[in-house]
Amino acid sequence: MDLLRSCGVDRVYKIQEMNESESLELFSWHAFKQPSPTKAFATHSTDVVAYSGRLPLALEELGSYLYKCEIQEWRRVLEELKRTPNDEVYKKLKVSFDGLKHVIEKQIFLDIVCFFIGMDKNDVLQTLNRSTQLPTLVIRILEEKSLVTVDENNKIQMHVLLQAMAREIIKRESSYMSDQ
């Protein structure tokens, strides 16, 4: 957003999330090299699309990984995905987190994941005001970087894969700290 504004762009179009049918088709092109899944993999394909939160990056990564895999591998991957995010997707999503310039931005992002998803933005700001002086600015930055959204009911939301990535960051950091 900042780059667009610095270039004089005053209107930004928000791209709509793909629907389930479009998501399944994108995934299928990568997993099967055709527009729809084979019958034997239809249910598993729908599960992968649901897990991905219909995020194109995740659909492409997971589809490419599962291309030509046997059904047992699909089951194993789906079980693994329920526990931890796909490493390639994690790395690509983490770039956005790593791009946050200040520690407070990262802290508030992780706080949102742990405590504030689905809460009213004003309530979140009031709570965060107790611990930091810049929550309004930080939440605006997180919105501009598409790390959080505020829905039509003023509730803070976050894509399911960003939540998984954030939980993985917390898990890795806490594991690192316990090793110290």
N, C-alpha and C. Protein backbone atom coordinates (compact mmCIF):
# COMPACT_ATOMS: atom_id res chain seq x y z
N MET A 1 0.82 -1.19 0.00
CA MET A 1 0.00 0.00 0.00
C MET A 1 0.87 1.26 0.00
N ASP A 2 1.91 1.24 0.85
CA ASP A 2 2.78 2.41 0.91
C ASP A 2 3.44 2.67 -0.44
N LEU A 3 3.87 1.61 -1.10
CA LEU A 3 4.49 1.74 -2.41
C LEU A 3 3.50 2.35 -3.40
N LEU A 4 2.27 1.88 -3.39
CA LEU A 4 1.26 2.41 -4.30
C LEU A 4 1.00 3.89 -4.02
N ARG A 5 0.89 4.24 -2.74
CA ARG A 5 0.65 5.64 -2.39
C ARG A 5 1.82 6.53 -2.81
N SER A 6 3.05 6.03 -2.64
CA SER A 6 4.22 6.83 -3.01
C SER A 6 4.29 7.04 -4.52
N CYS A 7 3.64 6.17 -5.27
CA CYS A 7 3.61 6.31 -6.74
C CYS A 7 2.39 7.10 -7.20
N GLY A 8 1.62 7.62 -6.27
CA GLY A 8 0.48 8.46 -6.62
C GLY A 8 -0.81 7.70 -6.88
N VAL A 9 -0.86 6.43 -6.57
CA VAL A 9 -2.08 5.66 -6.76
C VAL A 9 -3.04 6.01 -5.63
N ASP A 10 -4.24 6.45 -5.99
CA ASP A 10 -5.19 6.83 -4.95
C ASP A 10 -6.35 5.85 -4.82
N ARG A 11 -6.46 4.93 -5.76
CA ARG A 11 -7.52 3.92 -5.66
C ARG A 11 -6.89 2.53 -5.72
N VAL A 12 -7.26 1.73 -4.77
CA VAL A 12 -6.75 0.36 -4.71
C VAL A 12 -7.96 -0.57 -4.71
N TYR A 13 -7.94 -1.54 -5.61
CA TYR A 13 -9.02 -2.51 -5.69
C TYR A 13 -8.68 -3.72 -4.84
N LYS A 14 -9.56 -4.06 -3.94
CA LYS A 14 -9.35 -5.24 -3.09
C LYS A 14 -9.85 -6.46 -3.85
N ILE A 15 -8.95 -7.39 -4.08
CA ILE A 15 -9.29 -8.61 -4.80
C ILE A 15 -10.13 -9.50 -3.90
N GLN A 16 -11.21 -10.03 -4.47
CA GLN A 16 -12.08 -10.91 -3.71
C GLN A 16 -11.46 -12.30 -3.58
N GLU A 17 -11.72 -12.94 -2.48
CA GLU A 17 -11.24 -14.29 -2.24
C GLU A 17 -11.89 -15.24 -3.25
N MET A 18 -11.14 -16.23 -3.70
CA MET A 18 -11.70 -17.21 -4.62
C MET A 18 -12.77 -18.02 -3.90
N ASN A 19 -13.81 -18.41 -4.67
CA ASN A 19 -14.82 -19.27 -4.07
C ASN A 19 -14.32 -20.71 -4.07
N GLU A 20 -15.09 -21.61 -3.50
CA GLU A 20 -14.65 -23.00 -3.35
C GLU A 20 -14.41 -23.66 -4.70
N SER A 21 -15.27 -23.40 -5.66
CA SER A 21 -15.13 -24.01 -6.99
C SER A 21 -13.86 -23.53 -7.69
N GLU A 22 -13.60 -22.23 -7.63
CA GLU A 22 -12.38 -21.69 -8.24
C GLU A 22 -11.13 -22.22 -7.54
N SER A 23 -11.21 -22.33 -6.23
CA SER A 23 -10.08 -22.84 -5.45
C SER A 23 -9.78 -24.30 -5.80
N LEU A 24 -10.84 -25.09 -5.92
CA LEU A 24 -10.67 -26.50 -6.26
C LEU A 24 -10.07 -26.64 -7.66
N GLU A 25 -10.51 -25.78 -8.58
CA GLU A 25 -9.95 -25.83 -9.94
C GLU A 25 -8.47 -25.47 -9.95
N LEU A 26 -8.09 -24.40 -9.25
CA LEU A 26 -6.67 -24.02 -9.20
C LEU A 26 -5.84 -25.15 -8.59
N PHE A 27 -6.31 -25.70 -7.49
CA PHE A 27 -5.61 -26.81 -6.86
C PHE A 27 -5.48 -27.99 -7.82
N SER A 28 -6.57 -28.31 -8.51
CA SER A 28 -6.59 -29.46 -9.42
C SER A 28 -5.61 -29.30 -10.57
N TRP A 29 -5.47 -28.10 -11.10
CA TRP A 29 -4.50 -27.88 -12.17
C TRP A 29 -3.09 -28.23 -11.71
N HIS A 30 -2.80 -27.99 -10.46
CA HIS A 30 -1.46 -28.30 -9.94
C HIS A 30 -1.33 -29.75 -9.48
N ALA A 31 -2.39 -30.31 -8.91
CA ALA A 31 -2.32 -31.67 -8.38
C ALA A 31 -2.57 -32.75 -9.44
N PHE A 32 -3.39 -32.42 -10.46
CA PHE A 32 -3.80 -33.43 -11.44
C PHE A 32 -3.54 -33.03 -12.89
N LYS A 33 -3.13 -31.76 -13.09
CA LYS A 33 -2.92 -31.22 -14.44
C LYS A 33 -4.21 -31.25 -15.26
N GLN A 34 -5.32 -31.05 -14.58
CA GLN A 34 -6.65 -30.97 -15.20
C GLN A 34 -7.53 -30.11 -14.30
N PRO A 35 -8.69 -29.65 -14.79
CA PRO A 35 -9.49 -28.68 -14.03
C PRO A 35 -10.25 -29.23 -12.82
N SER A 36 -10.32 -30.54 -12.67
CA SER A 36 -11.02 -31.09 -11.50
C SER A 36 -10.31 -32.35 -11.02
N PRO A 37 -10.52 -32.69 -9.75
CA PRO A 37 -9.82 -33.86 -9.21
C PRO A 37 -10.39 -35.16 -9.78
N THR A 38 -9.56 -36.18 -9.76
CA THR A 38 -10.06 -37.50 -10.14
C THR A 38 -11.01 -37.96 -9.04
N LYS A 39 -11.88 -38.88 -9.40
CA LYS A 39 -12.91 -39.34 -8.46
C LYS A 39 -12.30 -39.88 -7.15
N ALA A 40 -11.23 -40.64 -7.26
CA ALA A 40 -10.61 -41.24 -6.08
C ALA A 40 -10.05 -40.20 -5.10
N PHE A 41 -9.75 -39.00 -5.61
CA PHE A 41 -9.13 -37.97 -4.77
C PHE A 41 -10.06 -36.79 -4.48
N ALA A 42 -11.32 -36.90 -4.87
CA ALA A 42 -12.25 -35.77 -4.75
C ALA A 42 -12.40 -35.29 -3.30
N THR A 43 -12.64 -36.20 -2.39
CA THR A 43 -12.83 -35.82 -0.98
C THR A 43 -11.56 -35.23 -0.39
N HIS A 44 -10.44 -35.87 -0.67
CA HIS A 44 -9.16 -35.37 -0.15
C HIS A 44 -8.84 -33.99 -0.74
N SER A 45 -9.17 -33.79 -2.01
CA SER A 45 -8.93 -32.49 -2.64
C SER A 45 -9.75 -31.41 -1.96
N THR A 46 -11.00 -31.71 -1.66
CA THR A 46 -11.86 -30.75 -0.97
C THR A 46 -11.29 -30.43 0.42
N ASP A 47 -10.74 -31.45 1.08
CA ASP A 47 -10.12 -31.22 2.40
C ASP A 47 -8.90 -30.30 2.30
N VAL A 48 -8.09 -30.51 1.27
CA VAL A 48 -6.90 -29.67 1.09
C VAL A 48 -7.32 -28.23 0.82
N VAL A 49 -8.34 -28.05 -0.02
CA VAL A 49 -8.83 -26.70 -0.33
C VAL A 49 -9.34 -26.03 0.95
N ALA A 50 -10.06 -26.78 1.76
CA ALA A 50 -10.57 -26.22 3.02
C ALA A 50 -9.41 -25.84 3.94
N TYR A 51 -8.41 -26.70 4.05
CA TYR A 51 -7.25 -26.41 4.89
C TYR A 51 -6.55 -25.14 4.44
N SER A 52 -6.41 -24.98 3.13
CA SER A 52 -5.65 -23.87 2.57
C SER A 52 -6.31 -22.52 2.80
N GLY A 53 -7.57 -22.53 3.20
CA GLY A 53 -8.29 -21.27 3.33
C GLY A 53 -8.47 -20.60 1.99
N ARG A 54 -8.34 -21.37 0.92
CA ARG A 54 -8.49 -20.91 -0.48
C ARG A 54 -7.43 -19.88 -0.86
N LEU A 55 -6.30 -19.93 -0.20
CA LEU A 55 -5.19 -19.04 -0.52
C LEU A 55 -4.46 -19.59 -1.75
N PRO A 56 -4.40 -18.83 -2.85
CA PRO A 56 -3.78 -19.34 -4.08
C PRO A 56 -2.38 -19.89 -3.88
N LEU A 57 -1.55 -19.20 -3.13
CA LEU A 57 -0.18 -19.67 -2.88
C LEU A 57 -0.19 -21.07 -2.27
N ALA A 58 -1.02 -21.28 -1.28
CA ALA A 58 -1.09 -22.59 -0.62
C ALA A 58 -1.66 -23.65 -1.56
N LEU A 59 -2.67 -23.29 -2.34
CA LEU A 59 -3.26 -24.24 -3.29
C LEU A 59 -2.23 -24.71 -4.31
N GLU A 60 -1.44 -23.78 -4.81
CA GLU A 60 -0.42 -24.12 -5.80
C GLU A 60 0.68 -24.98 -5.17
N GLU A 61 1.15 -24.59 -4.00
CA GLU A 61 2.22 -25.34 -3.32
C GLU A 61 1.77 -26.76 -2.98
N LEU A 62 0.60 -26.86 -2.38
CA LEU A 62 0.12 -28.18 -1.96
C LEU A 62 -0.22 -29.05 -3.17
N GLY A 63 -0.84 -28.44 -4.18
CA GLY A 63 -1.16 -29.20 -5.39
C GLY A 63 0.08 -29.73 -6.07
N SER A 64 1.09 -28.89 -6.20
CA SER A 64 2.34 -29.32 -6.83
C SER A 64 3.01 -30.42 -6.02
N TYR A 65 2.97 -30.30 -4.71
CA TYR A 65 3.58 -31.32 -3.86
C TYR A 65 2.86 -32.67 -4.01
N LEU A 66 1.53 -32.63 -4.07
CA LEU A 66 0.75 -33.87 -4.10
C LEU A 66 0.61 -34.48 -5.49
N TYR A 67 1.10 -33.78 -6.51
CA TYR A 67 1.03 -34.29 -7.88
C TYR A 67 1.67 -35.68 -7.96
N LYS A 68 0.93 -36.62 -8.48
CA LYS A 68 1.36 -38.01 -8.68
C LYS A 68 1.60 -38.79 -7.40
N CYS A 69 1.15 -38.28 -6.26
CA CYS A 69 1.29 -39.02 -5.01
C CYS A 69 0.15 -40.03 -4.86
N GLU A 70 0.43 -41.11 -4.16
CA GLU A 70 -0.57 -42.13 -3.86
C GLU A 70 -1.50 -41.63 -2.75
N ILE A 71 -2.66 -42.28 -2.64
CA ILE A 71 -3.67 -41.87 -1.66
C ILE A 71 -3.14 -41.91 -0.23
N GLN A 72 -2.26 -42.87 0.08
CA GLN A 72 -1.69 -42.95 1.43
C GLN A 72 -0.86 -41.70 1.74
N GLU A 73 -0.14 -41.20 0.75
CA GLU A 73 0.66 -39.98 0.94
C GLU A 73 -0.26 -38.78 1.16
N TRP A 74 -1.38 -38.72 0.42
CA TRP A 74 -2.34 -37.65 0.62
C TRP A 74 -2.85 -37.67 2.06
N ARG A 75 -3.19 -38.85 2.54
CA ARG A 75 -3.69 -38.96 3.92
C ARG A 75 -2.64 -38.51 4.93
N ARG A 76 -1.41 -38.93 4.71
CA ARG A 76 -0.32 -38.54 5.60
C ARG A 76 -0.13 -37.03 5.59
N VAL A 77 -0.13 -36.45 4.39
CA VAL A 77 0.05 -35.00 4.26
C VAL A 77 -1.10 -34.25 4.93
N LEU A 78 -2.33 -34.71 4.73
CA LEU A 78 -3.47 -34.04 5.37
C LEU A 78 -3.36 -34.09 6.89
N GLU A 79 -2.95 -35.22 7.43
CA GLU A 79 -2.76 -35.31 8.88
C GLU A 79 -1.66 -34.37 9.35
N GLU A 80 -0.58 -34.32 8.60
CA GLU A 80 0.53 -33.43 8.94
C GLU A 80 0.10 -31.97 8.85
N LEU A 81 -0.68 -31.63 7.84
CA LEU A 81 -1.14 -30.25 7.68
C LEU A 81 -2.02 -29.81 8.84
N LYS A 82 -2.74 -30.75 9.41
CA LYS A 82 -3.58 -30.41 10.56
C LYS A 82 -2.73 -30.05 11.78
N ARG A 83 -1.52 -30.62 11.84
CA ARG A 83 -0.63 -30.36 12.98
C ARG A 83 0.27 -29.14 12.76
N THR A 84 0.88 -29.06 11.59
CA THR A 84 1.81 -27.97 11.31
C THR A 84 1.63 -27.50 9.87
N PRO A 85 1.91 -26.23 9.60
CA PRO A 85 1.77 -25.74 8.23
C PRO A 85 2.84 -26.33 7.32
N ASN A 86 2.50 -26.43 6.04
CA ASN A 86 3.45 -26.86 5.01
C ASN A 86 4.65 -25.92 5.06
N ASP A 87 5.86 -26.48 5.06
CA ASP A 87 7.07 -25.68 5.24
C ASP A 87 7.26 -24.64 4.14
N GLU A 88 6.96 -24.99 2.90
CA GLU A 88 7.12 -24.02 1.81
C GLU A 88 6.14 -22.87 1.96
N VAL A 89 4.89 -23.18 2.30
CA VAL A 89 3.89 -22.13 2.52
C VAL A 89 4.31 -21.29 3.71
N TYR A 90 4.75 -21.94 4.78
CA TYR A 90 5.20 -21.23 5.98
C TYR A 90 6.30 -20.22 5.64
N LYS A 91 7.30 -20.67 4.89
CA LYS A 91 8.43 -19.79 4.55
C LYS A 91 7.95 -18.58 3.74
N LYS A 92 7.05 -18.81 2.80
CA LYS A 92 6.58 -17.70 1.97
C LYS A 92 5.70 -16.73 2.76
N LEU A 93 4.88 -17.26 3.64
CA LEU A 93 4.06 -16.37 4.46
C LEU A 93 4.90 -15.63 5.50
N LYS A 94 5.92 -16.27 6.01
CA LYS A 94 6.75 -15.66 7.04
C LYS A 94 7.50 -14.43 6.52
N VAL A 95 7.68 -14.34 5.21
CA VAL A 95 8.32 -13.16 4.62
C VAL A 95 7.56 -11.90 5.03
N SER A 96 6.24 -11.96 5.05
CA SER A 96 5.43 -10.80 5.45
C SER A 96 5.67 -10.45 6.91
N PHE A 97 5.73 -11.46 7.76
CA PHE A 97 6.00 -11.23 9.18
C PHE A 97 7.40 -10.65 9.37
N ASP A 98 8.37 -11.24 8.69
CA ASP A 98 9.75 -10.76 8.80
C ASP A 98 9.91 -9.34 8.27
N GLY A 99 9.00 -8.93 7.37
CA GLY A 99 9.03 -7.59 6.80
C GLY A 99 8.53 -6.51 7.75
N LEU A 100 7.95 -6.91 8.87
CA LEU A 100 7.54 -5.92 9.86
C LEU A 100 8.80 -5.29 10.44
N LYS A 101 8.83 -3.96 10.48
CA LYS A 101 10.07 -3.25 10.79
C LYS A 101 10.39 -3.17 12.28
N HIS A 102 9.37 -3.20 13.11
CA HIS A 102 9.60 -2.96 14.53
C HIS A 102 9.12 -4.14 15.36
N VAL A 103 9.78 -4.37 16.46
CA VAL A 103 9.44 -5.47 17.36
C VAL A 103 7.99 -5.35 17.82
N ILE A 104 7.53 -4.13 18.10
CA ILE A 104 6.16 -3.94 18.59
C ILE A 104 5.14 -4.40 17.55
N GLU A 105 5.44 -4.23 16.26
CA GLU A 105 4.54 -4.69 15.20
C GLU A 105 4.43 -6.21 15.24
N LYS A 106 5.55 -6.88 15.40
CA LYS A 106 5.56 -8.35 15.49
C LYS A 106 4.83 -8.82 16.75
N GLN A 107 5.07 -8.13 17.86
CA GLN A 107 4.43 -8.52 19.12
C GLN A 107 2.91 -8.39 19.03
N ILE A 108 2.45 -7.27 18.48
CA ILE A 108 1.00 -7.07 18.37
C ILE A 108 0.39 -8.08 17.40
N PHE A 109 1.07 -8.37 16.29
CA PHE A 109 0.59 -9.39 15.36
C PHE A 109 0.40 -10.72 16.09
N LEU A 110 1.39 -11.14 16.86
CA LEU A 110 1.31 -12.41 17.59
C LEU A 110 0.25 -12.34 18.70
N ASP A 111 0.11 -11.18 19.34
CA ASP A 111 -0.95 -11.01 20.34
C ASP A 111 -2.33 -11.17 19.71
N ILE A 112 -2.50 -10.61 18.53
CA ILE A 112 -3.78 -10.72 17.84
C ILE A 112 -4.11 -12.19 17.59
N VAL A 113 -3.12 -12.95 17.12
CA VAL A 113 -3.35 -14.37 16.87
C VAL A 113 -3.78 -15.09 18.14
N CYS A 114 -3.13 -14.80 19.23
CA CYS A 114 -3.40 -15.51 20.48
C CYS A 114 -4.69 -15.08 21.17
N PHE A 115 -5.03 -13.81 21.07
CA PHE A 115 -6.10 -13.29 21.93
C PHE A 115 -7.24 -12.54 21.24
N PHE A 116 -7.01 -11.98 20.06
CA PHE A 116 -7.95 -10.97 19.58
C PHE A 116 -8.69 -11.27 18.28
N ILE A 117 -8.48 -12.41 17.66
CA ILE A 117 -9.20 -12.70 16.42
C ILE A 117 -10.70 -12.80 16.73
N GLY A 118 -11.48 -12.10 15.93
CA GLY A 118 -12.93 -12.10 16.11
C GLY A 118 -13.43 -11.05 17.08
N MET A 119 -12.51 -10.31 17.69
CA MET A 119 -12.92 -9.27 18.65
C MET A 119 -13.09 -7.93 17.94
N ASP A 120 -13.90 -7.08 18.54
CA ASP A 120 -14.13 -5.74 18.01
C ASP A 120 -12.82 -4.95 18.04
N LYS A 121 -12.52 -4.28 16.94
CA LYS A 121 -11.26 -3.53 16.82
C LYS A 121 -11.11 -2.50 17.93
N ASN A 122 -12.20 -1.80 18.28
CA ASN A 122 -12.11 -0.78 19.32
C ASN A 122 -11.75 -1.39 20.68
N ASP A 123 -12.30 -2.57 20.97
CA ASP A 123 -11.96 -3.25 22.22
C ASP A 123 -10.49 -3.68 22.22
N VAL A 124 -10.03 -4.15 21.07
CA VAL A 124 -8.63 -4.57 20.95
C VAL A 124 -7.71 -3.37 21.17
N LEU A 125 -8.05 -2.25 20.53
CA LEU A 125 -7.23 -1.03 20.69
C LEU A 125 -7.20 -0.59 22.15
N GLN A 126 -8.34 -0.65 22.80
CA GLN A 126 -8.40 -0.24 24.20
C GLN A 126 -7.52 -1.15 25.06
N THR A 127 -7.57 -2.44 24.82
CA THR A 127 -6.73 -3.38 25.57
C THR A 127 -5.26 -3.15 25.29
N LEU A 128 -4.91 -2.99 24.02
CA LEU A 128 -3.51 -2.79 23.65
C LEU A 128 -2.96 -1.45 24.12
N ASN A 129 -3.83 -0.45 24.25
CA ASN A 129 -3.39 0.87 24.73
C ASN A 129 -2.78 0.79 26.12
N ARG A 130 -3.14 -0.24 26.86
CA ARG A 130 -2.60 -0.40 28.21
C ARG A 130 -1.14 -0.82 28.19
N SER A 131 -0.72 -1.46 27.09
CA SER A 131 0.65 -1.98 27.06
C SER A 131 1.56 -1.24 26.07
N THR A 132 0.98 -0.50 25.15
CA THR A 132 1.79 0.22 24.17
C THR A 132 1.06 1.50 23.77
N GLN A 133 1.80 2.44 23.24
CA GLN A 133 1.21 3.72 22.89
C GLN A 133 0.80 3.81 21.43
N LEU A 134 1.12 2.81 20.64
CA LEU A 134 0.90 2.91 19.20
C LEU A 134 -0.01 1.85 18.59
N PRO A 135 -1.00 1.31 19.29
CA PRO A 135 -1.75 0.21 18.71
C PRO A 135 -2.53 0.58 17.45
N THR A 136 -3.05 1.79 17.37
CA THR A 136 -3.80 2.20 16.18
C THR A 136 -2.91 2.19 14.96
N LEU A 137 -1.72 2.75 15.08
CA LEU A 137 -0.76 2.77 13.98
C LEU A 137 -0.34 1.35 13.60
N VAL A 138 -0.05 0.53 14.59
CA VAL A 138 0.41 -0.84 14.31
C VAL A 138 -0.68 -1.64 13.61
N ILE A 139 -1.91 -1.54 14.06
CA ILE A 139 -2.99 -2.30 13.41
C ILE A 139 -3.19 -1.80 11.98
N ARG A 140 -3.05 -0.51 11.75
CA ARG A 140 -3.14 0.01 10.38
C ARG A 140 -2.03 -0.58 9.51
N ILE A 141 -0.83 -0.67 10.05
CA ILE A 141 0.30 -1.27 9.32
C ILE A 141 0.00 -2.73 9.00
N LEU A 142 -0.51 -3.47 9.98
CA LEU A 142 -0.84 -4.88 9.76
C LEU A 142 -1.93 -5.03 8.70
N GLU A 143 -2.89 -4.11 8.69
CA GLU A 143 -3.93 -4.14 7.65
C GLU A 143 -3.33 -3.85 6.28
N GLU A 144 -2.47 -2.85 6.20
CA GLU A 144 -1.85 -2.49 4.92
C GLU A 144 -1.01 -3.63 4.36
N LYS A 145 -0.42 -4.41 5.24
CA LYS A 145 0.40 -5.55 4.80
C LYS A 145 -0.44 -6.81 4.64
N SER A 146 -1.76 -6.67 4.79
CA SER A 146 -2.72 -7.78 4.65
C SER A 146 -2.47 -8.90 5.65
N LEU A 147 -1.90 -8.57 6.78
CA LEU A 147 -1.70 -9.57 7.83
C LEU A 147 -2.94 -9.71 8.71
N VAL A 148 -3.74 -8.66 8.79
CA VAL A 148 -5.04 -8.71 9.46
C VAL A 148 -6.04 -7.95 8.60
N THR A 149 -7.30 -8.25 8.81
CA THR A 149 -8.37 -7.48 8.18
C THR A 149 -9.37 -7.10 9.27
N VAL A 150 -10.14 -6.08 8.98
CA VAL A 150 -11.23 -5.69 9.86
C VAL A 150 -12.50 -5.83 9.02
N ASP A 151 -13.41 -6.69 9.46
CA ASP A 151 -14.60 -6.98 8.65
C ASP A 151 -15.65 -5.88 8.80
N GLU A 152 -16.78 -6.09 8.12
CA GLU A 152 -17.84 -5.08 8.11
C GLU A 152 -18.46 -4.86 9.49
N ASN A 153 -18.23 -5.77 10.42
CA ASN A 153 -18.72 -5.63 11.79
C ASN A 153 -17.65 -5.10 12.74
N ASN A 154 -16.55 -4.59 12.16
CA ASN A 154 -15.43 -4.04 12.91
C ASN A 154 -14.69 -5.09 13.74
N LYS A 155 -14.76 -6.35 13.31
CA LYS A 155 -14.08 -7.45 14.00
C LYS A 155 -12.74 -7.71 13.32
N ILE A 156 -11.72 -7.96 14.12
CA ILE A 156 -10.39 -8.26 13.59
C ILE A 156 -10.37 -9.71 13.13
N GLN A 157 -9.91 -9.92 11.89
CA GLN A 157 -9.85 -11.26 11.30
C GLN A 157 -8.45 -11.50 10.75
N MET A 158 -8.15 -12.78 10.52
CA MET A 158 -6.86 -13.15 9.96
C MET A 158 -7.04 -14.46 9.20
N HIS A 159 -6.37 -14.56 8.06
CA HIS A 159 -6.44 -15.78 7.26
C HIS A 159 -5.94 -16.96 8.09
N VAL A 160 -6.57 -18.11 7.91
CA VAL A 160 -6.25 -19.30 8.69
C VAL A 160 -4.78 -19.72 8.52
N LEU A 161 -4.21 -19.53 7.34
CA LEU A 161 -2.81 -19.91 7.15
C LEU A 161 -1.86 -18.92 7.83
N LEU A 162 -2.24 -17.66 7.89
CA LEU A 162 -1.43 -16.70 8.65
C LEU A 162 -1.49 -17.04 10.14
N GLN A 163 -2.65 -17.49 10.60
CA GLN A 163 -2.76 -17.91 12.00
C GLN A 163 -1.84 -19.11 12.26
N ALA A 164 -1.86 -20.07 11.34
CA ALA A 164 -1.00 -21.26 11.50
C ALA A 164 0.47 -20.86 11.48
N MET A 165 0.83 -19.95 10.58
CA MET A 165 2.21 -19.47 10.51
C MET A 165 2.60 -18.80 11.82
N ALA A 166 1.72 -17.97 12.36
CA ALA A 166 2.01 -17.26 13.60
C ALA A 166 2.16 -18.23 14.77
N ARG A 167 1.29 -19.23 14.83
CA ARG A 167 1.41 -20.22 15.90
C ARG A 167 2.72 -20.99 15.78
N GLU A 168 3.14 -21.25 14.56
CA GLU A 168 4.42 -21.94 14.35
C GLU A 168 5.58 -21.06 14.81
N ILE A 169 5.50 -19.76 14.54
CA ILE A 169 6.54 -18.83 15.02
C ILE A 169 6.61 -18.87 16.55
N ILE A 170 5.45 -18.80 17.18
CA ILE A 170 5.41 -18.83 18.65
C ILE A 170 5.99 -20.14 19.16
N LYS A 171 5.61 -21.23 18.53
CA LYS A 171 6.10 -22.55 18.95
C LYS A 171 7.62 -22.64 18.81
N ARG A 172 8.14 -22.17 17.67
CA ARG A 172 9.59 -22.24 17.44
C ARG A 172 10.34 -21.32 18.40
N GLU A 173 9.79 -20.12 18.64
CA GLU A 173 10.45 -19.19 19.56
C GLU A 173 10.44 -19.72 20.99
N SER A 174 9.32 -20.30 21.40
CA SER A 174 9.26 -20.82 22.78
C SER A 174 10.16 -22.04 22.93
N SER A 175 10.27 -22.84 21.89
CA SER A 175 11.18 -23.99 21.92
C SER A 175 12.63 -23.51 22.00
N TYR A 176 12.94 -22.46 21.24
CA TYR A 176 14.29 -21.89 21.26
C TYR A 176 14.62 -21.34 22.65
N MET A 177 13.65 -20.62 23.23
CA MET A 177 13.88 -20.02 24.55
C MET A 177 14.05 -21.09 25.62
N SER A 178 13.32 -22.19 25.51
CA SER A 178 13.46 -23.24 26.52
C SER A 178 14.79 -23.98 26.40
N ASP A 179 15.38 -23.94 25.20
CA ASP A 179 16.70 -24.55 25.00
C ASP A 179 17.83 -23.69 25.57
N GLN A 180 17.57 -22.41 25.77
CA GLN A 180 18.61 -21.49 26.25
C GLN A 180 18.89 -21.67 27.68
